[in-house]
Amino acid sequence: MSLRLPARLTRRRWLGLLGSVVAVPAAGQPDPDTPGRQRIELTARKYRFEPEVIDVRRNDVVRLTVTSLDIAHSFTVDAYRIQKRIAPGAAVTFEFRADEVGRFPFYCSMRLDAGCQEMRGELIVR
């Protein structure tokens, strides 16, 4: 039995079309071993970070923007050696690779008053 193709559709074109249709569903599936990119926006205000939990995948490149909505704050993650100071009403953007799996506290290391010590959150790398 032979496959009869329209005159304009050669076997090579037909196979090419078939290959592209099969490849499209696979392209939509993330590969767990391939690093991704994440953008996260965090605010610091009234002695709180919002959100208080940052959840990322191992090896993702994380682009984090921290905005202070009131006084000067900082964003510190000791395990990743991150320490950024944010001026009042300003934002700081930086990137890091989440290459270590675990749960890591982040906090404000400023000591303007006792409220700064209450600013805490958690970075979760899965």
Foldseek 3Di string as FASTA:
>chain_A
DDDDDPPVQDPVNVVVVVVVVVVVVVVPDDDLVDAAEEEEEWEAEPLEIPPQEAEEEAFHKYKYKYFYAAAKWWKDWVVQGDIGIYHHGGIDIDIDTRHDADKTKIATPDPPDPSRRSYIGIYGYD
